[in-house]
Amino acid sequence: MKLVIDIPKEVIESRKYTDYFGCGSTKLTGIIDNGKPLDDVLNEIRAEIEPNCDRINSLASVLPYTAHREIQELLCEIMDLCKAEGSEKE
């Protein structure tokens, strides 16, 4: 299960989680303090996907033009999806 909560930057910086969530859980504070921002996770995923897409494109270069072109288009769609995920806020 994944849970994404948008917490205002001011709350994070002030560490007033108990006021924001209405509870005094130490475990919650630890999770927030040690959590990884979603943008960082997406950037890591992009960093892993891009070299693989490049490698697939290289391998596909030995295929006939139409097949290689189709693979290139699919790889571009994958990379566009990766970029779109992180730019929703922007």
Protein backbone atom coordinates (compact mmCIF):
# COMPACT_ATOMS: atom_id res chain seq x y z
CA MET A 1 0.00 0.00 0.00
CA LYS A 2 1.23 3.49 -0.84
CA LEU A 3 0.04 6.65 0.81
CA VAL A 4 0.84 10.09 -0.52
CA ILE A 5 0.12 13.08 1.68
CA ASP A 6 0.74 16.63 0.58
CA ILE A 7 2.19 18.41 3.60
CA PRO A 8 2.82 22.15 3.34
CA LYS A 9 6.50 23.10 3.41
CA GLU A 10 5.91 25.32 6.45
CA VAL A 11 4.66 22.34 8.46
CA ILE A 12 7.71 20.29 7.49
CA GLU A 13 10.10 23.09 8.36
CA SER A 14 8.41 23.91 11.66
CA ARG A 15 7.98 20.20 12.56
CA LYS A 16 4.47 20.90 13.82
CA TYR A 17 3.16 17.53 12.64
CA THR A 18 1.10 17.04 15.75
CA ASP A 19 -0.81 20.27 15.09
CA TYR A 20 -1.24 19.43 11.41
CA PHE A 21 -2.39 15.83 11.86
CA GLY A 22 -4.03 16.27 15.24
CA CYS A 23 -2.07 13.47 16.88
CA GLY A 24 1.16 13.17 18.83
CA SER A 25 2.57 10.02 17.29
CA THR A 26 6.35 9.70 17.56
CA LYS A 27 6.20 7.04 14.85
CA LEU A 28 4.50 9.50 12.48
CA THR A 29 7.17 12.11 13.19
CA GLY A 30 9.88 9.55 12.40
CA ILE A 31 8.22 8.55 9.15
CA ILE A 32 7.94 12.16 8.00
CA ASP A 33 11.47 13.04 9.12
CA ASN A 34 12.98 10.00 7.38
CA GLY A 35 10.65 9.84 4.38
CA LYS A 36 11.77 10.44 0.83
CA PRO A 37 9.98 13.11 -1.22
CA LEU A 38 8.05 11.72 -4.18
CA ASP A 39 9.97 13.96 -6.60
CA ASP A 40 13.22 12.34 -5.44
CA VAL A 41 11.77 8.88 -6.01
CA LEU A 42 10.63 9.85 -9.51
CA ASN A 43 14.04 11.30 -10.33
CA GLU A 44 15.68 8.03 -9.27
CA ILE A 45 13.30 6.06 -11.47
CA ARG A 46 14.00 8.34 -14.43
CA ALA A 47 17.74 7.94 -13.88
CA GLU A 48 17.33 4.15 -14.09
CA ILE A 49 14.98 4.14 -17.06
CA GLU A 50 16.84 6.50 -19.36
CA PRO A 51 20.03 4.40 -19.79
CA ASN A 52 17.87 1.31 -20.38
CA CYS A 53 15.92 3.12 -23.09
CA ASP A 54 19.19 4.17 -24.71
CA ARG A 55 20.43 0.57 -24.59
CA ILE A 56 17.19 -0.76 -26.11
CA ASN A 57 17.44 1.83 -28.87
CA SER A 58 21.02 0.74 -29.58
CA LEU A 59 20.04 -2.92 -29.76
CA ALA A 60 17.09 -2.10 -32.00
CA SER A 61 19.34 -0.32 -34.48
CA VAL A 62 20.09 -3.65 -36.18
CA LEU A 63 16.40 -4.16 -36.97
CA PRO A 64 14.75 -3.05 -40.17
CA TYR A 65 13.98 0.69 -40.26
CA THR A 66 10.23 0.40 -39.58
CA ALA A 67 10.69 -1.83 -36.54
CA HIS A 68 13.52 0.35 -35.20
CA ARG A 69 11.42 3.50 -35.69
CA GLU A 70 8.46 1.96 -33.85
CA ILE A 71 10.70 1.00 -30.93
CA GLN A 72 12.12 4.55 -30.85
CA GLU A 73 8.60 6.00 -30.70
CA LEU A 74 7.64 3.68 -27.84
CA LEU A 75 10.81 4.59 -25.94
CA CYS A 76 10.03 8.28 -26.42
CA GLU A 77 6.54 7.69 -25.00
CA ILE A 78 8.07 5.97 -21.96
CA MET A 79 10.45 8.87 -21.35
CA ASP A 80 7.63 11.40 -21.85
CA LEU A 81 5.55 9.56 -19.24
CA CYS A 82 8.45 9.71 -16.81
CA LYS A 83 8.84 13.44 -17.37
CA ALA A 84 5.09 14.09 -17.10
CA GLU A 85 4.81 12.39 -13.70
CA GLY A 86 7.17 14.85 -12.07
CA SER A 87 5.88 17.95 -13.80
CA GLU A 88 2.27 17.78 -12.60
CA LYS A 89 2.99 20.33 -9.86
CA GLU A 90 4.87 22.71 -12.14
